[in-house]
N, C-alpha and C. Protein backbone atom coordinates (compact mmCIF):
# COMPACT_ATOMS: atom_id res chain seq x y z
N MET A 1 9.66 -8.01 2.07
CA MET A 1 8.48 -7.37 2.44
C MET A 1 8.66 -6.22 3.20
N SER A 2 7.95 -5.04 3.05
CA SER A 2 8.21 -3.87 3.78
C SER A 2 7.13 -3.77 5.09
N LEU A 3 7.64 -3.40 6.04
CA LEU A 3 6.89 -3.18 7.40
C LEU A 3 6.53 -1.81 7.74
N SER A 4 6.92 -1.15 6.76
CA SER A 4 6.72 0.34 7.16
C SER A 4 5.16 0.64 7.50
N TYR A 5 4.83 1.71 8.40
CA TYR A 5 3.39 1.93 8.57
C TYR A 5 3.22 3.39 9.00
N TRP A 6 2.00 3.91 8.69
CA TRP A 6 1.43 5.09 9.41
C TRP A 6 0.52 4.79 10.64
N ARG A 7 0.86 5.84 11.69
CA ARG A 7 -0.03 5.56 12.84
C ARG A 7 -1.36 6.12 12.42
N MET A 8 -2.37 5.60 12.98
CA MET A 8 -3.70 6.07 13.11
C MET A 8 -3.66 7.75 13.67
N PRO A 9 -4.40 8.56 13.15
CA PRO A 9 -4.59 9.88 13.96
C PRO A 9 -5.38 9.61 15.04
N GLU A 10 -4.96 10.19 16.18
CA GLU A 10 -5.60 9.92 17.42
C GLU A 10 -7.07 10.53 17.47
N ARG A 11 -7.46 11.57 16.61
CA ARG A 11 -8.67 12.15 16.56
C ARG A 11 -9.79 11.03 16.18
N LEU A 12 -9.17 9.92 15.58
CA LEU A 12 -10.14 8.74 14.82
C LEU A 12 -10.59 7.88 16.07
N ILE A 13 -10.06 7.91 17.21
CA ILE A 13 -10.38 7.09 18.32
C ILE A 13 -11.87 7.25 18.87
N ASP A 14 -12.21 8.63 18.78
CA ASP A 14 -13.64 9.08 19.18
C ASP A 14 -14.66 9.31 17.96
N GLU A 15 -14.25 8.87 16.89
CA GLU A 15 -14.88 9.20 15.56
C GLU A 15 -14.95 7.86 14.88
N PRO A 16 -15.87 6.91 15.34
CA PRO A 16 -15.93 5.81 14.61
C PRO A 16 -16.21 5.72 12.88
N ASP A 17 -17.26 6.57 12.63
CA ASP A 17 -17.28 6.58 11.30
C ASP A 17 -16.13 7.08 10.41
N GLU A 18 -15.49 8.30 10.90
CA GLU A 18 -14.46 8.52 10.21
C GLU A 18 -13.21 7.45 10.16
N PHE A 19 -13.29 6.98 11.39
CA PHE A 19 -12.15 5.77 11.60
C PHE A 19 -12.27 4.81 10.35
N VAL A 20 -13.72 4.31 10.15
CA VAL A 20 -13.89 3.52 9.08
C VAL A 20 -13.63 4.05 7.75
N ARG A 21 -13.79 5.23 7.24
CA ARG A 21 -13.41 5.92 6.01
C ARG A 21 -12.18 5.92 5.95
N TRP A 22 -11.36 6.33 6.80
CA TRP A 22 -9.66 6.40 6.98
C TRP A 22 -9.18 4.94 6.57
N SER A 23 -9.77 4.07 7.29
CA SER A 23 -9.31 2.66 7.32
C SER A 23 -9.26 2.05 5.73
N ARG A 24 -10.64 2.41 5.24
CA ARG A 24 -10.77 1.60 4.14
C ARG A 24 -10.04 2.52 2.88
N ALA A 25 -9.72 3.78 3.19
CA ALA A 25 -8.85 4.47 2.26
C ALA A 25 -7.49 3.84 2.31
N ALA A 26 -7.01 3.69 3.46
CA ALA A 26 -5.71 3.09 3.64
C ALA A 26 -5.38 1.73 2.98
N ILE A 27 -6.59 1.00 3.23
CA ILE A 27 -6.52 -0.24 2.79
C ILE A 27 -6.50 -0.33 1.21
N MET A 28 -7.33 0.53 0.72
CA MET A 28 -7.43 0.72 -0.72
C MET A 28 -5.83 1.33 -1.39
N VAL A 29 -5.31 2.20 -0.71
CA VAL A 29 -3.85 2.74 -1.22
C VAL A 29 -2.91 1.47 -1.13
N ALA A 30 -3.13 0.72 -0.12
CA ALA A 30 -1.87 -0.21 0.25
C ALA A 30 -2.34 -1.41 -0.90
N ARG A 31 -3.47 -1.77 -1.18
CA ARG A 31 -3.84 -2.81 -2.25
C ARG A 31 -3.46 -2.21 -3.84
N ASN A 32 -3.54 -0.91 -4.01
CA ASN A 32 -3.31 -0.19 -5.29
C ASN A 32 -1.64 -0.26 -5.37
N ALA A 33 -0.81 0.14 -4.25
CA ALA A 33 0.29 0.04 -4.33
C ALA A 33 0.98 -1.29 -4.64
N ASP A 34 0.31 -2.19 -3.89
CA ASP A 34 0.64 -3.74 -4.16
C ASP A 34 0.64 -4.14 -5.56
N ALA A 35 -0.56 -3.97 -6.19
CA ALA A 35 -0.89 -4.31 -7.51
C ALA A 35 0.13 -3.59 -8.36
N ALA A 36 0.33 -2.33 -8.20
CA ALA A 36 1.41 -1.72 -9.23
C ALA A 36 2.81 -2.12 -9.11
N LYS A 37 3.13 -2.65 -7.84
CA LYS A 37 4.33 -3.19 -7.72
C LYS A 37 4.44 -4.53 -8.52
N ALA A 38 3.46 -5.26 -8.51
CA ALA A 38 3.38 -6.43 -9.34
C ALA A 38 3.20 -6.32 -10.68
N ASP A 39 2.45 -5.12 -11.29
CA ASP A 39 2.41 -4.89 -12.36
C ASP A 39 3.81 -4.69 -13.04
N LYS A 40 4.55 -3.84 -12.22
CA LYS A 40 6.00 -3.34 -12.69
C LYS A 40 6.98 -4.55 -12.63
N THR A 41 6.78 -5.56 -11.90
CA THR A 41 7.68 -6.53 -11.92
C THR A 41 7.31 -7.47 -13.08
N LYS A 42 6.13 -7.47 -13.55
CA LYS A 42 5.86 -8.31 -14.47
C LYS A 42 6.21 -7.95 -15.92
N ARG A 43 6.19 -6.60 -16.03
CA ARG A 43 6.46 -5.86 -17.17
C ARG A 43 8.01 -6.00 -17.55
N ARG A 44 8.77 -6.17 -16.34
CA ARG A 44 10.17 -5.69 -16.78
C ARG A 44 10.90 -7.04 -17.41
N PRO A 45 11.46 -7.16 -18.49
CA PRO A 45 12.22 -8.26 -19.00
C PRO A 45 13.50 -8.66 -18.29
N LYS A 46 13.95 -9.78 -18.34
CA LYS A 46 14.98 -10.18 -17.50
C LYS A 46 16.12 -9.59 -18.29
N ALA A 47 17.22 -9.04 -17.76
CA ALA A 47 18.40 -8.59 -18.49
C ALA A 47 19.35 -9.75 -18.81
N ALA A 48 19.68 -9.50 -20.09
CA ALA A 48 20.77 -10.48 -20.80
C ALA A 48 22.06 -10.54 -19.57
N PRO A 49 22.57 -11.73 -19.42
CA PRO A 49 23.88 -11.95 -18.63
C PRO A 49 24.88 -11.31 -19.33
N LYS A 50 25.91 -10.52 -18.74
CA LYS A 50 26.85 -9.97 -18.91
C LYS A 50 28.08 -10.96 -19.24
N LEU A 51 28.74 -10.67 -20.28
CA LEU A 51 29.89 -11.60 -20.20
C LEU A 51 31.12 -11.06 -20.10
């Protein structure tokens, strides 16, 4: 599990509406990346053992 993250821009502290939009976009990106990662691992066939 990766724990890397981006910090919230400081300007969003004083702009609650913009903060909500930024947060929703960040969550959507994270979910899409997670789904793409899951799809990639499902499609990859297991390699035959080397002799």
